[in-house]
C-alpha cells in the first residue's frame, strides 16, 4: 500500500528567512518558541503592505494574511515584538 503524505513545511521553503507568501507576508526569523500546532515552531512574519509584525506557526506561513490590514488571524500565542 502506498501512502501519500504532505511534505514538511521546510521542504517547501516556507520556513526559510525571506520567504514571501502570495499575500505579501515575509518570514523574518524563527522565534525559538513552540507553536500551537502539533510539532510546530513560531516564526516572526512581517506584512510588506503595512509593516505589521506578528507570529505564526511554521505550517501556516504560506497562507497567512496580515492581522492589521488584511483581516488575518491575530498573532499566534499572542506574541508581540519587543518595542525598543
PDB file of N, CA and C in Angstrom:
ATOM      1  N   UNK A   1       0.841  -1.181   0.000  1.00  0.00           N
ATOM      2  CA  UNK A   1       0.000   0.000   0.000  1.00  0.00           C
ATOM      3  C   UNK A   1       0.887   1.246   0.000  1.00  0.00           C
ATOM      4  N   UNK A   2       0.591   2.186  -0.872  1.00  0.00           N
ATOM      5  CA  UNK A   2       1.334   3.447  -0.957  1.00  0.00           C
ATOM      6  C   UNK A   2       0.527   4.517  -0.236  1.00  0.00           C
ATOM      7  N   UNK A   3       1.208   5.233   0.652  1.00  0.00           N
ATOM      8  CA  UNK A   3       0.545   6.323   1.379  1.00  0.00           C
ATOM      9  C   UNK A   3       1.116   7.645   0.917  1.00  0.00           C
ATOM     10  N   UNK A   4       0.249   8.596   0.637  1.00  0.00           N
ATOM     11  CA  UNK A   4       0.680   9.937   0.280  1.00  0.00           C
ATOM     12  C   UNK A   4       0.713  10.788   1.547  1.00  0.00           C
ATOM     13  N   UNK A   5       1.782  11.476   1.747  1.00  0.00           N
ATOM     14  CA  UNK A   5       1.861  12.396   2.890  1.00  0.00           C
ATOM     15  C   UNK A   5       2.257  13.769   2.391  1.00  0.00           C
ATOM     16  N   UNK A   6       1.761  14.782   3.058  1.00  0.00           N
ATOM     17  CA  UNK A   6       2.121  16.158   2.725  1.00  0.00           C
ATOM     18  C   UNK A   6       3.585  16.379   3.061  1.00  0.00           C
ATOM     19  N   UNK A   7       4.312  17.134   2.219  1.00  0.00           N
ATOM     20  CA  UNK A   7       5.705  17.431   2.568  1.00  0.00           C
ATOM     21  C   UNK A   7       5.758  18.323   3.802  1.00  0.00           C
ATOM     22  N   UNK A   8       6.835  18.191   4.563  1.00  0.00           N
ATOM     23  CA  UNK A   8       7.027  19.051   5.715  1.00  0.00           C
ATOM     24  C   UNK A   8       7.223  20.485   5.233  1.00  0.00           C
ATOM     25  N   UNK A   9       6.853  21.499   6.041  1.00  0.00           N
ATOM     26  CA  UNK A   9       6.989  22.891   5.616  1.00  0.00           C
ATOM     27  C   UNK A   9       8.391  23.242   5.123  1.00  0.00           C
ATOM     28  N   UNK A  10       9.433  22.685   5.745  1.00  0.00           N
ATOM     29  CA  UNK A  10      10.802  23.013   5.350  1.00  0.00           C
ATOM     30  C   UNK A  10      11.058  22.645   3.902  1.00  0.00           C
ATOM     31  N   UNK A  11      10.449  21.562   3.412  1.00  0.00           N
ATOM     32  CA  UNK A  11      10.711  21.105   2.056  1.00  0.00           C
ATOM     33  C   UNK A  11      10.071  22.012   1.016  1.00  0.00           C
ATOM     34  N   UNK A  12       9.141  22.837   1.425  1.00  0.00           N
ATOM     35  CA  UNK A  12       8.524  23.790   0.503  1.00  0.00           C
ATOM     36  C   UNK A  12       9.176  25.164   0.620  1.00  0.00           C
ATOM     37  N   UNK A  13      10.120  25.316   1.528  1.00  0.00           N
ATOM     38  CA  UNK A  13      10.839  26.570   1.662  1.00  0.00           C
ATOM     39  C   UNK A  13      10.124  27.649   2.461  1.00  0.00           C
ATOM     40  N   UNK A  14       8.965  27.339   3.021  1.00  0.00           N
ATOM     41  CA  UNK A  14       8.206  28.390   3.695  1.00  0.00           C
ATOM     42  C   UNK A  14       8.807  28.813   5.032  1.00  0.00           C
ATOM     43  N   UNK A  15       9.648  27.990   5.631  1.00  0.00           N
ATOM     44  CA  UNK A  15      10.261  28.383   6.897  1.00  0.00           C
ATOM     45  C   UNK A  15      11.630  29.031   6.698  1.00  0.00           C
ATOM     46  N   UNK A  16      12.038  29.232   5.460  1.00  0.00           N
ATOM     47  CA  UNK A  16      13.307  29.922   5.200  1.00  0.00           C
ATOM     48  C   UNK A  16      13.127  31.423   5.387  1.00  0.00           C
ATOM     49  N   UNK A  17      14.112  32.053   5.992  1.00  0.00           N
ATOM     50  CA  UNK A  17      14.091  33.501   6.158  1.00  0.00           C
ATOM     51  C   UNK A  17      13.985  34.135   4.776  1.00  0.00           C
ATOM     52  N   UNK A  18      13.071  35.081   4.637  1.00  0.00           N
ATOM     53  CA  UNK A  18      12.874  35.772   3.369  1.00  0.00           C
ATOM     54  C   UNK A  18      11.758  35.215   2.509  1.00  0.00           C
ATOM     55  N   UNK A  19      11.182  34.049   2.901  1.00  0.00           N
ATOM     56  CA  UNK A  19      10.064  33.506   2.119  1.00  0.00           C
ATOM     57  C   UNK A  19       8.920  34.517   2.113  1.00  0.00           C
ATOM     58  N   UNK A  20       8.391  34.806   0.940  1.00  0.00           N
ATOM     59  CA  UNK A  20       7.285  35.753   0.770  1.00  0.00           C
ATOM     60  C   UNK A  20       6.069  34.988   0.265  1.00  0.00           C
ATOM     61  N   UNK A  21       4.975  35.043   1.016  1.00  0.00           N
ATOM     62  CA  UNK A  21       3.779  34.315   0.580  1.00  0.00           C
ATOM     63  C   UNK A  21       2.964  35.170  -0.394  1.00  0.00           C
ATOM     64  N   UNK A  22       1.957  34.605  -1.049  1.00  0.00           N
ATOM     65  CA  UNK A  22       1.166  35.352  -2.041  1.00  0.00           C
ATOM     66  C   UNK A  22       0.403  36.544  -1.467  1.00  0.00           C
ATOM     67  N   UNK A  23       0.234  36.593  -0.145  1.00  0.00           N
ATOM     68  CA  UNK A  23      -0.478  37.706   0.495  1.00  0.00           C
ATOM     69  C   UNK A  23       0.464  38.823   0.938  1.00  0.00           C
ATOM     70  N   UNK A  24       1.741  38.716   0.580  1.00  0.00           N
ATOM     71  CA  UNK A  24       2.705  39.769   0.917  1.00  0.00           C
ATOM     72  C   UNK A  24       3.255  39.678   2.325  1.00  0.00           C
ATOM     73  N   UNK A  25       3.241  38.484   2.927  1.00  0.00           N
ATOM     74  CA  UNK A  25       3.762  38.284   4.275  1.00  0.00           C
ATOM     75  C   UNK A  25       5.131  37.628   4.169  1.00  0.00           C
ATOM     76  N   UNK A  26       6.148  38.236   4.781  1.00  0.00           N
ATOM     77  CA  UNK A  26       7.510  37.741   4.669  1.00  0.00           C
ATOM     78  C   UNK A  26       7.972  37.122   5.986  1.00  0.00           C
ATOM     79  N   UNK A  27       8.667  35.995   5.865  1.00  0.00           N
ATOM     80  CA  UNK A  27       9.206  35.306   7.033  1.00  0.00           C
ATOM     81  C   UNK A  27      10.480  36.033   7.465  1.00  0.00           C
ATOM     82  N   UNK A  28      10.460  36.599   8.672  1.00  0.00           N
ATOM     83  CA  UNK A  28      11.600  37.358   9.185  1.00  0.00           C
ATOM     84  C   UNK A  28      12.604  36.452   9.896  1.00  0.00           C
ATOM     85  N   UNK A  29      12.107  35.603  10.817  1.00  0.00           N
ATOM     86  CA  UNK A  29      13.034  34.765  11.581  1.00  0.00           C
ATOM     87  C   UNK A  29      12.260  33.748  12.414  1.00  0.00           C
ATOM     88  N   UNK A  30      12.936  32.641  12.788  1.00  0.00           N
ATOM     89  CA  UNK A  30      12.327  31.732  13.756  1.00  0.00           C
ATOM     90  C   UNK A  30      12.404  32.372  15.139  1.00  0.00           C
ATOM     91  N   UNK A  31      11.375  32.182  15.942  1.00  0.00           N
ATOM     92  CA  UNK A  31      11.335  32.778  17.279  1.00  0.00           C
ATOM     93  C   UNK A  31      11.902  31.864  18.359  1.00  0.00           C
ATOM     94  N   UNK A  32      12.114  30.600  18.032  1.00  0.00           N
ATOM     95  CA  UNK A  32      12.631  29.671  19.030  1.00  0.00           C
ATOM     96  C   UNK A  32      11.608  29.330  20.102  1.00  0.00           C
ATOM     97  N   UNK A  33      10.338  29.477  19.763  1.00  0.00           N
ATOM     98  CA  UNK A  33       9.242  29.185  20.692  1.00  0.00           C
ATOM     99  C   UNK A  33       8.357  28.100  20.106  1.00  0.00           C
ATOM    100  N   UNK A  34       7.760  27.269  20.966  1.00  0.00           N
ATOM    101  CA  UNK A  34       6.856  26.244  20.444  1.00  0.00           C
ATOM    102  C   UNK A  34       5.601  26.884  19.864  1.00  0.00           C
ATOM    103  N   UNK A  35       5.093  26.292  18.796  1.00  0.00           N
ATOM    104  CA  UNK A  35       3.861  26.778  18.186  1.00  0.00           C
ATOM    105  C   UNK A  35       2.637  26.160  18.830  1.00  0.00           C
ATOM    106  N   UNK A  36       1.489  26.446  18.252  1.00  0.00           N
ATOM    107  CA  UNK A  36       0.234  25.926  18.794  1.00  0.00           C
ATOM    108  C   UNK A  36      -0.257  24.698  18.032  1.00  0.00           C
ATOM    109  N   UNK A  37       0.330  24.391  16.874  1.00  0.00           N
ATOM    110  CA  UNK A  37       0.013  23.172  16.140  1.00  0.00           C
ATOM    111  C   UNK A  37       1.024  22.096  16.532  1.00  0.00           C
ATOM    112  N   UNK A  38       0.631  20.846  16.417  1.00  0.00           N
ATOM    113  CA  UNK A  38       1.487  19.717  16.788  1.00  0.00           C
ATOM    114  C   UNK A  38       2.835  19.788  16.072  1.00  0.00           C
ATOM    115  N   UNK A  39       3.903  19.815  16.843  1.00  0.00           N
ATOM    116  CA  UNK A  39       5.247  19.776  16.294  1.00  0.00           C
ATOM    117  C   UNK A  39       5.715  21.041  15.604  1.00  0.00           C
ATOM    118  N   UNK A  40       4.987  22.127  15.750  1.00  0.00           N
ATOM    119  CA  UNK A  40       5.339  23.360  15.053  1.00  0.00           C
ATOM    120  C   UNK A  40       6.103  24.322  15.955  1.00  0.00           C
ATOM    121  N   UNK A  41       6.829  25.233  15.312  1.00  0.00           N
ATOM    122  CA  UNK A  41       7.530  26.325  15.992  1.00  0.00           C
ATOM    123  C   UNK A  41       6.969  27.636  15.465  1.00  0.00           C
ATOM    124  N   UNK A  42       7.165  28.703  16.253  1.00  0.00           N
ATOM    125  CA  UNK A  42       6.683  30.018  15.832  1.00  0.00           C
ATOM    126  C   UNK A  42       7.745  30.760  15.027  1.00  0.00           C
ATOM    127  N   UNK A  43       7.267  31.545  14.055  1.00  0.00           N
ATOM    128  CA  UNK A  43       8.118  32.383  13.214  1.00  0.00           C
ATOM    129  C   UNK A  43       7.568  33.795  13.222  1.00  0.00           C
ATOM    130  N   UNK A  44       8.472  34.762  13.135  1.00  0.00           N
ATOM    131  CA  UNK A  44       8.062  36.161  13.038  1.00  0.00           C
ATOM    132  C   UNK A  44       7.805  36.480  11.573  1.00  0.00           C
ATOM    133  N   UNK A  45       6.628  37.000  11.291  1.00  0.00           N
ATOM    134  CA  UNK A  45       6.266  37.435   9.950  1.00  0.00           C
ATOM    135  C   UNK A  45       6.084  38.943   9.953  1.00  0.00           C
ATOM    136  N   UNK A  46       6.274  39.558   8.796  1.00  0.00           N
ATOM    137  CA  UNK A  46       6.032  40.991   8.647  1.00  0.00           C
ATOM    138  C   UNK A  46       5.229  41.211   7.370  1.00  0.00           C
ATOM    139  N   UNK A  47       4.313  42.138   7.437  1.00  0.00           N
ATOM    140  CA  UNK A  47       3.482  42.480   6.278  1.00  0.00           C
ATOM    141  C   UNK A  47       4.240  43.478   5.405  1.00  0.00           C
ATOM    142  N   UNK A  48       4.368  43.169   4.119  1.00  0.00           N
ATOM    143  CA  UNK A  48       5.055  44.092   3.209  1.00  0.00           C
ATOM    144  C   UNK A  48       4.167  45.262   2.805  1.00  0.00           C
ATOM    145  N   UNK A  49       2.882  45.213   3.169  1.00  0.00           N
ATOM    146  CA  UNK A  49       1.964  46.295   2.836  1.00  0.00           C
ATOM    147  C   UNK A  49       1.942  47.379   3.909  1.00  0.00           C
ATOM    148  N   UNK A  50       1.907  46.962   5.187  1.00  0.00           N
ATOM    149  CA  UNK A  50       1.783  47.951   6.274  1.00  0.00           C
ATOM    150  C   UNK A  50       2.905  47.877   7.310  1.00  0.00           C
ATOM    151  N   UNK A  51       3.750  46.827   7.263  1.00  0.00           N
ATOM    152  CA  UNK A  51       4.866  46.704   8.191  1.00  0.00           C
ATOM    153  C   UNK A  51       4.550  46.027   9.510  1.00  0.00           C
ATOM    154  N   UNK A  52       3.324  45.595   9.711  1.00  0.00           N
ATOM    155  CA  UNK A  52       2.930  44.929  10.964  1.00  0.00           C
ATOM    156  C   UNK A  52       3.721  43.634  11.145  1.00  0.00           C
ATOM    157  N   UNK A  53       4.200  43.378  12.368  1.00  0.00           N
ATOM    158  CA  UNK A  53       4.931  42.155  12.711  1.00  0.00           C
ATOM    159  C   UNK A  53       4.082  41.305  13.644  1.00  0.00           C
ATOM    160  N   UNK A  54       4.117  39.996  13.416  1.00  0.00           N
ATOM    161  CA  UNK A  54       3.323  39.068  14.220  1.00  0.00           C
ATOM    162  C   UNK A  54       3.932  37.673  14.113  1.00  0.00           C
ATOM    163  N   UNK A  55       3.412  36.723  14.884  1.00  0.00           N
ATOM    164  CA  UNK A  55       3.930  35.353  14.897  1.00  0.00           C
ATOM    165  C   UNK A  55       2.935  34.404  14.243  1.00  0.00           C
ATOM    166  N   UNK A  56       3.484  33.346  13.632  1.00  0.00           N
ATOM    167  CA  UNK A  56       2.662  32.306  13.022  1.00  0.00           C
ATOM    168  C   UNK A  56       3.373  30.965  13.151  1.00  0.00           C
ATOM    169  N   UNK A  57       2.593  29.893  13.196  1.00  0.00           N
ATOM    170  CA  UNK A  57       3.151  28.553  13.136  1.00  0.00           C
ATOM    171  C   UNK A  57       3.836  28.367  11.786  1.00  0.00           C
ATOM    172  N   UNK A  58       4.911  27.592  11.775  1.00  0.00           N
ATOM    173  CA  UNK A  58       5.605  27.326  10.526  1.00  0.00           C
ATOM    174  C   UNK A  58       4.706  26.751   9.452  1.00  0.00           C
ATOM    175  N   UNK A  59       3.745  25.938   9.853  1.00  0.00           N
ATOM    176  CA  UNK A  59       2.837  25.306   8.894  1.00  0.00           C
ATOM    177  C   UNK A  59       1.820  26.271   8.296  1.00  0.00           C
ATOM    178  N   UNK A  60       1.722  27.481   8.858  1.00  0.00           N
ATOM    179  CA  UNK A  60       0.730  28.458   8.383  1.00  0.00           C
ATOM    180  C   UNK A  60       1.328  29.593   7.553  1.00  0.00           C
ATOM    181  N   UNK A  61       2.643  29.676   7.480  1.00  0.00           N
ATOM    182  CA  UNK A  61       3.302  30.814   6.836  1.00  0.00           C
ATOM    183  C   UNK A  61       2.807  31.038   5.410  1.00  0.00           C
ATOM    184  N   UNK A  62       2.631  29.962   4.665  1.00  0.00           N
ATOM    185  CA  UNK A  62       2.278  30.086   3.251  1.00  0.00           C
ATOM    186  C   UNK A  62       0.897  30.688   3.003  1.00  0.00           C
ATOM    187  N   UNK A  63       0.006  30.681   4.009  1.00  0.00           N
ATOM    188  CA  UNK A  63      -1.348  31.172   3.788  1.00  0.00           C
ATOM    189  C   UNK A  63      -1.739  32.360   4.659  1.00  0.00           C
ATOM    190  N   UNK A  64      -0.854  32.806   5.541  1.00  0.00           N
ATOM    191  CA  UNK A  64      -1.227  33.872   6.469  1.00  0.00           C
ATOM    192  C   UNK A  64      -1.513  35.185   5.762  1.00  0.00           C
ATOM    193  N   UNK A  65      -2.447  35.931   6.356  1.00  0.00           N
ATOM    194  CA  UNK A  65      -2.772  37.301   5.955  1.00  0.00           C
ATOM    195  C   UNK A  65      -2.480  38.189   7.146  1.00  0.00           C
ATOM    196  N   UNK A  66      -2.187  39.438   6.888  1.00  0.00           N
ATOM    197  CA  UNK A  66      -1.854  40.376   7.952  1.00  0.00           C
ATOM    198  C   UNK A  66      -3.057  40.619   8.867  1.00  0.00           C
ATOM    199  N   UNK A  67      -2.847  40.519  10.194  1.00  0.00           N
ATOM    200  CA  UNK A  67      -3.937  40.805  11.126  1.00  0.00           C
ATOM    201  C   UNK A  67      -4.317  42.286  11.132  1.00  0.00           C
ATOM    202  N   UNK A  68      -3.389  43.156  10.748  1.00  0.00           N
ATOM    203  CA  UNK A  68      -3.636  44.600  10.812  1.00  0.00           C
ATOM    204  C   UNK A  68      -4.347  45.154   9.579  1.00  0.00           C
ATOM    205  N   UNK A  69      -3.987  44.674   8.379  1.00  0.00           N
ATOM    206  CA  UNK A  69      -4.553  45.303   7.173  1.00  0.00           C
ATOM    207  C   UNK A  69      -5.263  44.343   6.218  1.00  0.00           C
ATOM    208  N   UNK A  70      -5.230  43.034   6.501  1.00  0.00           N
ATOM    209  CA  UNK A  70      -5.878  42.067   5.607  1.00  0.00           C
ATOM    210  C   UNK A  70      -6.912  41.205   6.330  1.00  0.00           C
ATOM    211  N   UNK A  71      -7.266  41.599   7.549  1.00  0.00           N
ATOM    212  CA  UNK A  71      -8.249  40.858   8.340  1.00  0.00           C
ATOM    213  C   UNK A  71      -7.818  39.413   8.602  1.00  0.00           C
ATOM    214  N   UNK A  72      -6.500  39.198   8.774  1.00  0.00           N
ATOM    215  CA  UNK A  72      -5.969  37.871   9.076  1.00  0.00           C
ATOM    216  C   UNK A  72      -6.110  37.531  10.547  1.00  0.00           C
ATOM    217  N   UNK A  73      -5.803  36.299  10.880  1.00  0.00           N
ATOM    218  CA  UNK A  73      -5.857  35.847  12.274  1.00  0.00           C
ATOM    219  C   UNK A  73      -4.856  36.617  13.118  1.00  0.00           C
ATOM    220  N   UNK A  74      -5.163  36.816  14.403  1.00  0.00           N
ATOM    221  CA  UNK A  74      -4.205  37.506  15.276  1.00  0.00           C
ATOM    222  C   UNK A  74      -2.917  36.705  15.447  1.00  0.00           C
ATOM    223  N   UNK A  75      -1.909  37.360  15.971  1.00  0.00           N
ATOM    224  CA  UNK A  75      -0.612  36.732  16.201  1.00  0.00           C
ATOM    225  C   UNK A  75      -0.781  35.459  17.022  1.00  0.00           C
ATOM    226  N   UNK A  76      -0.158  34.377  16.553  1.00  0.00           N
ATOM    227  CA  UNK A  76      -0.241  33.092  17.249  1.00  0.00           C
ATOM    228  C   UNK A  76       0.358  33.205  18.645  1.00  0.00           C
ATOM    229  N   UNK A  77      -0.313  32.671  19.629  1.00  0.00           N
ATOM    230  CA  UNK A  77       0.089  32.684  21.045  1.00  0.00           C
ATOM    231  C   UNK A  77       0.146  34.086  21.630  1.00  0.00           C
ATOM    232  N   UNK A  78      -0.389  35.084  20.922  1.00  0.00           N
ATOM    233  CA  UNK A  78      -0.398  36.448  21.434  1.00  0.00           C
ATOM    234  C   UNK A  78       0.952  37.129  21.396  1.00  0.00           C
ATOM    235  N   UNK A  79       1.924  36.563  20.649  1.00  0.00           N
ATOM    236  CA  UNK A  79       3.280  37.125  20.581  1.00  0.00           C
ATOM    237  C   UNK A  79       3.254  38.520  19.974  1.00  0.00           C
ATOM    238  N   UNK A  80       4.046  39.410  20.564  1.00  0.00           N
ATOM    239  CA  UNK A  80       4.247  40.755  20.007  1.00  0.00           C
ATOM    240  C   UNK A  80       5.724  41.072  20.040  1.00  0.00           C
ATOM    241  N   UNK A  81       6.214  41.838  19.056  1.00  0.00           N
ATOM    242  CA  UNK A  81       7.635  42.191  19.072  1.00  0.00           C
ATOM    243  C   UNK A  81       7.962  43.109  20.240  1.00  0.00           C
ATOM    244  N   UNK A  82       9.189  43.019  20.736  1.00  0.00           N
ATOM    245  CA  UNK A  82       9.654  43.896  21.824  1.00  0.00           C
ATOM    246  C   UNK A  82       9.889  45.278  21.241  1.00  0.00           C
ATOM    247  N   UNK A  83       9.313  46.273  21.862  1.00  0.00           N
ATOM    248  CA  UNK A  83       9.499  47.651  21.422  1.00  0.00           C
ATOM    249  C   UNK A  83      10.700  48.253  22.116  1.00  0.00           C
ATOM    250  N   UNK A  84      11.650  48.747  21.347  1.00  0.00           N
ATOM    251  CA  UNK A  84      12.867  49.331  21.947  1.00  0.00           C
ATOM    252  C   UNK A  84      12.642  50.774  22.346  1.00  0.00           C
TER     253      UNK A  84
END
